[in-house]
Amino acid sequence: MVHERGLWHQTFHAWIASARRLDAKLVIQLRGPHKDTNPLRFDVSAAGHLEAGESPDDGVREIEEELGLHLSAARLHKLGVVANEARFGSVWDREFHHVYAAIVPDLVLEALRPAPDEIAGIYEISVGDFLDLALGRRREAVLTGYRLSPSGLQRDARVAAWADFVPRSRAYLQLLERFFAQEDAP
């Protein structure tokens, strides 16, 4: 409804990584083929619209809904809020992205349970390779992980360019770069 009417709305974005370092593994989802925006593009680990009355921290439910991974809001690092406006045909998507990072040192992709109605695959890439790709410092990067199939998770590897990802503004990407470049932070 908010997309069809072009209304500004709040969203939750959680980037899940194995550590707060550039060589850490970053979880990337491949959006499902039936998503109304950016189908079959690589995207943030977990994201979604905030419901009326929810605070940005309440968006942590999206991680469990999309990945089957239970994390408390206390495990999240709030990176900031970025306004985003995009047009898809005659529809305006106007969102305030509340951007978070979660560090999960013992994360194993095979243990995740991606929601098949939302996600077509789950992959990982080093934080540094992702940022280099996103900020134009490299042309391609390899993502390894799993594609969802009717029989479950199937091992997969992909070479991707930045055009294969949901576009993010420079301001958005700089939030991630600042957070992960501070390797000595807790």
Protein backbone atom coordinates (compact mmCIF):
# COMPACT_ATOMS: atom_id res chain seq x y z
CA MET A 1 0.00 0.00 0.00
CA VAL A 2 2.72 2.52 0.91
CA HIS A 3 4.60 1.74 -2.32
CA GLU A 4 1.50 2.13 -4.49
CA ARG A 5 0.68 5.47 -2.88
CA GLY A 6 4.29 6.73 -2.82
CA LEU A 7 4.17 7.41 0.94
CA TRP A 8 7.31 7.88 3.03
CA HIS A 9 7.74 4.99 5.47
CA GLN A 10 10.25 3.48 7.90
CA THR A 11 12.32 0.38 7.15
CA PHE A 12 14.75 -1.78 9.09
CA HIS A 13 18.02 -2.98 7.48
CA ALA A 14 20.35 -5.42 9.26
CA TRP A 15 23.79 -6.33 7.90
CA ILE A 16 25.06 -9.51 9.55
CA ALA A 17 28.79 -10.18 9.65
CA SER A 18 31.11 -12.64 11.37
CA ALA A 19 33.27 -9.86 12.85
CA ARG A 20 33.84 -6.12 12.80
CA ARG A 21 36.72 -6.33 10.30
CA LEU A 22 37.12 -5.83 6.58
CA ASP A 23 38.10 -9.50 6.15
CA ALA A 24 34.97 -10.70 7.98
CA LYS A 25 32.21 -12.56 6.15
CA LEU A 26 29.11 -10.51 5.34
CA VAL A 27 25.75 -12.22 4.77
CA ILE A 28 23.99 -11.18 1.55
CA GLN A 29 20.53 -12.29 0.45
CA LEU A 30 19.35 -12.82 -3.11
CA ARG A 31 15.88 -11.30 -3.19
CA GLY A 32 13.05 -13.58 -4.29
CA PRO A 33 11.75 -13.57 -7.86
CA HIS A 34 8.32 -12.24 -6.84
CA LYS A 35 9.45 -9.18 -4.85
CA ASP A 36 7.75 -5.98 -6.05
CA THR A 37 11.05 -4.09 -6.10
CA ASN A 38 14.45 -5.37 -7.21
CA PRO A 39 13.61 -9.06 -7.67
CA LEU A 40 16.60 -11.43 -7.97
CA ARG A 41 19.12 -8.79 -6.91
CA PHE A 42 21.58 -9.14 -4.05
CA ASP A 43 20.70 -7.15 -0.95
CA VAL A 44 21.13 -6.51 2.77
CA SER A 45 21.13 -9.59 5.06
CA ALA A 46 17.59 -8.89 6.32
CA ALA A 47 15.22 -5.96 5.90
CA GLY A 48 11.60 -4.98 6.00
CA HIS A 49 8.97 -2.37 6.68
CA LEU A 50 8.32 -1.28 10.22
CA GLU A 51 4.70 -1.66 11.27
CA ALA A 52 2.68 1.15 12.84
CA GLY A 53 3.78 1.60 16.45
CA GLU A 54 7.07 -0.29 16.02
CA SER A 55 10.36 1.32 16.92
CA PRO A 56 13.35 0.77 14.63
CA ASP A 57 14.76 -1.72 17.17
CA ASP A 58 11.57 -3.79 16.82
CA GLY A 59 12.63 -4.48 13.24
CA VAL A 60 14.95 -7.17 14.61
CA ARG A 61 12.00 -9.53 13.98
CA GLU A 62 12.87 -9.30 10.26
CA ILE A 63 16.09 -11.25 10.88
CA GLU A 64 14.15 -14.18 12.28
CA GLU A 65 11.36 -13.92 9.69
CA GLU A 66 13.73 -13.84 6.71
CA LEU A 67 16.71 -15.91 7.90
CA GLY A 68 15.44 -18.02 10.79
CA LEU A 69 18.12 -16.44 13.00
CA HIS A 70 17.04 -15.20 16.42
CA LEU A 71 18.95 -12.13 17.64
CA SER A 72 17.97 -9.72 20.38
CA ALA A 73 17.89 -5.98 19.70
CA ALA A 74 20.76 -5.65 22.20
CA ARG A 75 23.04 -7.40 19.65
CA LEU A 76 22.44 -4.68 17.06
CA HIS A 77 24.69 -1.70 16.39
CA LYS A 78 22.69 1.25 15.03
CA LEU A 79 24.64 2.83 12.18
CA GLY A 80 22.21 5.59 11.22
CA VAL A 81 19.19 6.54 9.12
CA VAL A 82 19.28 7.26 5.40
CA ALA A 83 16.41 8.59 3.29
CA ASN A 84 15.94 6.78 -0.02
CA GLU A 85 13.65 7.63 -2.91
CA ALA A 86 13.40 5.37 -5.96
CA ARG A 87 10.99 5.12 -8.85
CA PHE A 88 9.77 1.79 -10.26
CA GLY A 89 7.62 2.57 -13.30
CA SER A 90 4.82 4.78 -12.02
CA VAL A 91 5.45 3.86 -8.37
CA TRP A 92 7.58 5.89 -5.96
CA ASP A 93 9.30 3.98 -3.14
CA ARG A 94 10.12 6.47 -0.40
CA GLU A 95 11.81 5.02 2.66
CA PHE A 96 13.79 6.00 5.71
CA HIS A 97 16.27 3.12 6.12
CA HIS A 98 17.24 2.47 9.76
CA VAL A 99 20.58 0.75 9.19
CA TYR A 100 22.03 -1.74 11.70
CA ALA A 101 24.89 -4.22 11.88
CA ALA A 102 24.98 -7.42 13.92
CA ILE A 103 28.15 -9.36 14.66
CA VAL A 104 27.58 -13.12 14.81
CA PRO A 105 31.03 -14.78 15.09
CA ASP A 106 29.78 -18.37 14.92
CA LEU A 107 27.38 -17.86 11.99
CA VAL A 108 27.13 -20.77 9.54
CA LEU A 109 25.15 -20.16 6.34
CA GLU A 110 23.87 -23.75 6.28
CA ALA A 111 22.18 -23.17 9.65
CA LEU A 112 20.07 -20.29 8.32
CA ARG A 113 16.52 -20.98 7.22
CA PRO A 114 15.76 -18.38 4.52
CA ALA A 115 12.08 -17.62 3.94
CA PRO A 116 11.31 -19.00 0.46
CA ASP A 117 8.61 -16.38 -0.19
CA GLU A 118 11.18 -13.61 0.41
CA ILE A 119 14.60 -14.96 -0.50
CA ALA A 120 15.99 -16.93 -3.47
CA GLY A 121 19.46 -17.47 -1.99
CA ILE A 122 21.83 -16.68 0.84
CA TYR A 123 25.49 -15.84 0.23
CA GLU A 124 28.58 -14.46 1.87
CA ILE A 125 31.32 -12.12 0.74
CA SER A 126 34.09 -10.42 2.68
CA VAL A 127 33.12 -7.00 4.01
CA GLY A 128 36.11 -5.48 2.20
CA ASP A 129 35.20 -7.05 -1.15
CA PHE A 130 31.59 -5.89 -0.75
CA LEU A 131 32.62 -2.31 0.04
CA ASP A 132 35.18 -2.26 -2.80
CA LEU A 133 32.48 -3.41 -5.20
CA ALA A 134 29.85 -1.01 -3.85
CA LEU A 135 32.18 1.98 -3.88
CA GLY A 136 33.52 1.29 -7.37
CA ARG A 137 37.00 0.13 -6.32
CA ARG A 138 36.52 -3.22 -8.08
CA ARG A 139 34.34 -4.44 -10.95
CA GLU A 140 33.37 -7.92 -9.76
CA ALA A 141 33.43 -10.09 -6.67
CA VAL A 142 32.67 -13.73 -5.88
CA LEU A 143 29.78 -14.61 -3.56
CA THR A 144 29.52 -18.13 -2.20
CA GLY A 145 26.57 -19.70 -0.49
CA TYR A 146 23.28 -21.39 -1.23
CA ARG A 147 20.40 -21.01 -3.65
CA LEU A 148 16.97 -22.10 -2.46
CA SER A 149 15.42 -24.94 -4.42
CA PRO A 150 12.35 -27.12 -3.83
CA SER A 151 14.64 -29.71 -2.25
CA GLY A 152 16.33 -27.21 0.10
CA LEU A 153 19.60 -25.30 0.02
CA GLN A 154 21.84 -26.00 -2.97
CA ARG A 155 25.51 -24.93 -2.89
CA ASP A 156 26.14 -22.01 -5.26
CA ALA A 157 28.82 -19.48 -6.22
CA ARG A 158 28.30 -16.34 -8.26
CA VAL A 159 30.45 -13.64 -9.79
CA ALA A 160 28.59 -10.37 -9.29
CA ALA A 161 28.98 -6.76 -10.37
CA TRP A 162 27.50 -3.83 -8.44
CA ALA A 163 24.65 -3.75 -10.99
CA ASP A 164 23.52 -7.13 -9.55
CA PHE A 165 22.82 -5.51 -6.16
CA VAL A 166 19.98 -3.32 -4.95
CA PRO A 167 21.37 0.20 -5.38
CA ARG A 168 22.40 2.04 -2.22
CA SER A 169 23.38 5.68 -1.87
CA ARG A 170 26.90 6.78 -1.05
CA ALA A 171 25.66 8.00 2.37
CA TYR A 172 24.22 4.54 3.10
CA LEU A 173 27.43 2.75 2.06
CA GLN A 174 29.56 5.14 4.11
CA LEU A 175 27.67 4.08 7.26
CA LEU A 176 28.83 0.51 6.62
CA GLU A 177 32.37 1.53 5.73
CA ARG A 178 32.76 3.64 8.89
CA PHE A 179 31.46 0.82 11.09
CA PHE A 180 33.59 -1.98 9.63
CA ALA A 181 36.74 0.12 9.18
CA GLN A 182 36.87 0.65 12.97
CA GLU A 183 38.28 -2.83 13.52
CA ASP A 184 39.36 -2.24 17.11
CA ALA A 185 35.88 -1.20 18.24
CA PRO A 186 33.72 -3.57 20.32
